[in-house]
Structures are given as C-alpha cells and as structure tokens.
Amino acid sequence: EYTVIKSRFDALNARQERVLSTMGGVVWREKLEEAVSAADSASSALASDFMSGDIALEQFVNQHLELRMQHHGLDLKRQAAEALLANMPGGLGSGGGGGGSKVGA
C-alpha cells in the first residue's frame, strides 16, 4: 500500500514541478502583468483614437468599458493570487521577486 501511495505522490509532485516551471513564480507574474498592461494599453489607444475623432462616441464608450473591465478584472486576479501565494506555507509564492508592479488605471 505504501508503494502505491508513494508512487501517486511522486507522480503528482512531478506534475506540480512541471506546472510551476512554466507558470510559477516569475513566469506567472510576468504573464499576468503583461496581460494587465496589454488591456491598459488597448484602452489608452482607444481613448487616443476617440480624442482624434477616429471613432464615434457610442463605439468608444462600449469598447472602453469592456477594455477597462478586462484590465481591472485581470489586475484584481493578479493581486488576489499574489496575496494568496505569498501566504502559502513552504514559500510557494516566492518564485523570485517580492510581488508584482502595480499597474494604474
């Protein structure tokens, strides 16, 4: 019975290591921060287009609202996940660096 449980543990541990190597620590933070920044940049570009008269008011409002909701949703997820991981025992949240940068809206 021990051998079966140990084998299962080793398989799950190896899976966790694979996941953490691609989405853990610094890699995870960078990808999420890139997504937050991309949503912020897209809404800024849309605002510039509106200010230069390239798009209509209704189109701007609809698209800008969607982009800002996306930005804030991603940023809230980033903040929540970092807080959760930082408080996990065993240092799982410390994948290099002390938290992410704050992206303003």
C-alpha atoms as a PDB file:
ATOM      1  CA  GLU A   1       0.000   0.000   0.000  1.00  0.00           C
ATOM      2  CA  TYR A   2       2.863   2.390   0.805  1.00  0.00           C
ATOM      3  CA  THR A   3       4.366   1.816  -2.633  1.00  0.00           C
ATOM      4  CA  VAL A   4       1.092   2.735  -4.357  1.00  0.00           C
ATOM      5  CA  ILE A   5       0.672   5.905  -2.307  1.00  0.00           C
ATOM      6  CA  LYS A   6       4.332   6.864  -2.750  1.00  0.00           C
ATOM      7  CA  SER A   7       4.070   6.339  -6.491  1.00  0.00           C
ATOM      8  CA  ARG A   8       0.961   8.537  -6.667  1.00  0.00           C
ATOM      9  CA  PHE A   9       2.666  11.215  -4.593  1.00  0.00           C
ATOM     10  CA  ASP A  10       5.734  11.170  -6.840  1.00  0.00           C
ATOM     11  CA  ALA A  11       3.567  11.496  -9.960  1.00  0.00           C
ATOM     12  CA  LEU A  12       1.617  14.424  -8.510  1.00  0.00           C
ATOM     13  CA  ASN A  13       4.793  16.077  -7.269  1.00  0.00           C
ATOM     14  CA  ALA A  14       6.369  15.786 -10.731  1.00  0.00           C
ATOM     15  CA  ARG A  15       3.230  17.320 -12.263  1.00  0.00           C
ATOM     16  CA  GLN A  16       3.362  20.205  -9.817  1.00  0.00           C
ATOM     17  CA  GLU A  17       7.007  20.830 -10.682  1.00  0.00           C
ATOM     18  CA  ARG A  18       6.168  20.907 -14.408  1.00  0.00           C
ATOM     19  CA  VAL A  19       3.345  23.379 -13.831  1.00  0.00           C
ATOM     20  CA  LEU A  20       5.441  25.601 -11.578  1.00  0.00           C
ATOM     21  CA  SER A  21       8.289  25.614 -14.089  1.00  0.00           C
ATOM     22  CA  THR A  22       6.001  27.061 -16.769  1.00  0.00           C
ATOM     23  CA  MET A  23       3.559  29.150 -14.746  1.00  0.00           C
ATOM     24  CA  GLY A  24       5.107  29.521 -11.318  1.00  0.00           C
ATOM     25  CA  GLY A  25       6.915  32.394  -9.725  1.00  0.00           C
ATOM     26  CA  VAL A  26       8.434  34.946 -12.054  1.00  0.00           C
ATOM     27  CA  VAL A  27       6.981  33.440 -15.249  1.00  0.00           C
ATOM     28  CA  TRP A  28       3.456  33.524 -13.862  1.00  0.00           C
ATOM     29  CA  ARG A  29       3.794  37.089 -12.608  1.00  0.00           C
ATOM     30  CA  GLU A  30       5.249  38.298 -15.891  1.00  0.00           C
ATOM     31  CA  LYS A  31       2.480  36.731 -17.990  1.00  0.00           C
ATOM     32  CA  LEU A  32      -0.282  38.136 -15.829  1.00  0.00           C
ATOM     33  CA  GLU A  33       1.320  41.579 -15.680  1.00  0.00           C
ATOM     34  CA  GLU A  34       1.724  41.533 -19.466  1.00  0.00           C
ATOM     35  CA  ALA A  35      -1.997  40.822 -19.812  1.00  0.00           C
ATOM     36  CA  VAL A  36      -2.848  43.672 -17.415  1.00  0.00           C
ATOM     37  CA  SER A  37      -0.560  46.058 -19.315  1.00  0.00           C
ATOM     38  CA  ALA A  38      -1.938  44.974 -22.691  1.00  0.00           C
ATOM     39  CA  ALA A  39      -5.511  45.699 -21.592  1.00  0.00           C
ATOM     40  CA  ASP A  40      -4.419  49.073 -20.224  1.00  0.00           C
ATOM     41  CA  SER A  41      -2.559  49.946 -23.432  1.00  0.00           C
ATOM     42  CA  ALA A  42      -5.527  48.945 -25.572  1.00  0.00           C
ATOM     43  CA  SER A  43      -7.868  51.234 -23.645  1.00  0.00           C
ATOM     44  CA  SER A  44      -5.354  54.092 -23.868  1.00  0.00           C
ATOM     45  CA  ALA A  45      -5.041  53.609 -27.632  1.00  0.00           C
ATOM     46  CA  LEU A  46      -8.822  53.591 -27.921  1.00  0.00           C
ATOM     47  CA  ALA A  47      -9.012  56.845 -25.956  1.00  0.00           C
ATOM     48  CA  SER A  48      -6.451  58.398 -28.298  1.00  0.00           C
ATOM     49  CA  ASP A  49      -8.480  57.271 -31.306  1.00  0.00           C
ATOM     50  CA  PHE A  50     -11.589  58.839 -29.807  1.00  0.00           C
ATOM     51  CA  MET A  51      -9.831  62.096 -28.976  1.00  0.00           C
ATOM     52  CA  SER A  52      -8.547  62.359 -32.541  1.00  0.00           C
ATOM     53  CA  GLY A  53     -12.056  61.786 -33.899  1.00  0.00           C
ATOM     54  CA  ASP A  54     -11.346  58.371 -35.422  1.00  0.00           C
ATOM     55  CA  ILE A  55     -14.226  56.605 -33.665  1.00  0.00           C
ATOM     56  CA  ALA A  56     -17.741  57.588 -32.636  1.00  0.00           C
ATOM     57  CA  LEU A  57     -18.766  58.257 -29.041  1.00  0.00           C
ATOM     58  CA  GLU A  58     -21.016  55.196 -28.705  1.00  0.00           C
ATOM     59  CA  GLN A  59     -18.354  52.879 -30.110  1.00  0.00           C
ATOM     60  CA  PHE A  60     -15.753  54.405 -27.786  1.00  0.00           C
ATOM     61  CA  VAL A  61     -17.926  54.051 -24.690  1.00  0.00           C
ATOM     62  CA  ASN A  62     -18.792  50.418 -25.412  1.00  0.00           C
ATOM     63  CA  GLN A  63     -15.242  49.352 -26.250  1.00  0.00           C
ATOM     64  CA  HIS A  64     -13.606  51.403 -23.499  1.00  0.00           C
ATOM     65  CA  LEU A  65     -15.924  49.998 -20.856  1.00  0.00           C
ATOM     66  CA  GLU A  66     -15.144  46.451 -21.982  1.00  0.00           C
ATOM     67  CA  LEU A  67     -11.377  47.071 -22.014  1.00  0.00           C
ATOM     68  CA  ARG A  68     -11.389  48.714 -18.577  1.00  0.00           C
ATOM     69  CA  MET A  69     -13.431  45.874 -17.096  1.00  0.00           C
ATOM     70  CA  GLN A  70     -10.935  43.418 -18.589  1.00  0.00           C
ATOM     71  CA  HIS A  71      -7.995  45.411 -17.199  1.00  0.00           C
ATOM     72  CA  HIS A  72      -9.448  45.693 -13.711  1.00  0.00           C
ATOM     73  CA  GLY A  73     -10.542  42.052 -13.653  1.00  0.00           C
ATOM     74  CA  LEU A  74      -7.046  40.895 -14.576  1.00  0.00           C
ATOM     75  CA  ASP A  75      -5.448  43.252 -12.073  1.00  0.00           C
ATOM     76  CA  LEU A  76      -7.731  42.058  -9.264  1.00  0.00           C
ATOM     77  CA  LYS A  77      -6.912  38.438 -10.117  1.00  0.00           C
ATOM     78  CA  ARG A  78      -3.208  39.270 -10.067  1.00  0.00           C
ATOM     79  CA  GLN A  79      -3.469  40.959  -6.684  1.00  0.00           C
ATOM     80  CA  ALA A  80      -5.566  38.181  -5.169  1.00  0.00           C
ATOM     81  CA  ALA A  81      -3.352  35.396  -6.478  1.00  0.00           C
ATOM     82  CA  GLU A  82      -0.176  37.094  -5.288  1.00  0.00           C
ATOM     83  CA  ALA A  83      -1.655  37.625  -1.826  1.00  0.00           C
ATOM     84  CA  LEU A  84      -2.754  34.001  -1.680  1.00  0.00           C
ATOM     85  CA  LEU A  85       0.567  32.625  -2.885  1.00  0.00           C
ATOM     86  CA  ALA A  86       2.576  34.897  -0.607  1.00  0.00           C
ATOM     87  CA  ASN A  87       0.753  33.463   2.409  1.00  0.00           C
ATOM     88  CA  MET A  88       1.152  29.801   1.460  1.00  0.00           C
ATOM     89  CA  PRO A  89       3.437  27.728   3.675  1.00  0.00           C
ATOM     90  CA  GLY A  90       6.640  26.469   2.167  1.00  0.00           C
ATOM     91  CA  GLY A  91       7.320  29.581   0.138  1.00  0.00           C
ATOM     92  CA  LEU A  92       5.255  28.583  -2.912  1.00  0.00           C
ATOM     93  CA  GLY A  93       4.520  32.219  -3.535  1.00  0.00           C
ATOM     94  CA  SER A  94       8.149  33.268  -3.637  1.00  0.00           C
ATOM     95  CA  GLY A  95       9.071  32.373  -7.170  1.00  0.00           C
ATOM     96  CA  GLY A  96      11.576  35.177  -7.414  1.00  0.00           C
ATOM     97  CA  GLY A  97      10.794  38.748  -6.609  1.00  0.00           C
ATOM     98  CA  GLY A  98       8.610  40.289  -3.986  1.00  0.00           C
ATOM     99  CA  GLY A  99       5.340  40.810  -5.756  1.00  0.00           C
ATOM    100  CA  GLY A 100       4.389  42.456  -8.964  1.00  0.00           C
ATOM    101  CA  SER A 101       4.326  46.004 -10.120  1.00  0.00           C
ATOM    102  CA  LYS A 102       1.153  47.958  -9.705  1.00  0.00           C
ATOM    103  CA  VAL A 103      -0.391  48.961 -12.990  1.00  0.00           C
ATOM    104  CA  GLY A 104      -2.530  52.069 -12.653  1.00  0.00           C
ATOM    105  CA  ALA A 105      -5.827  52.603 -14.383  1.00  0.00           C
END
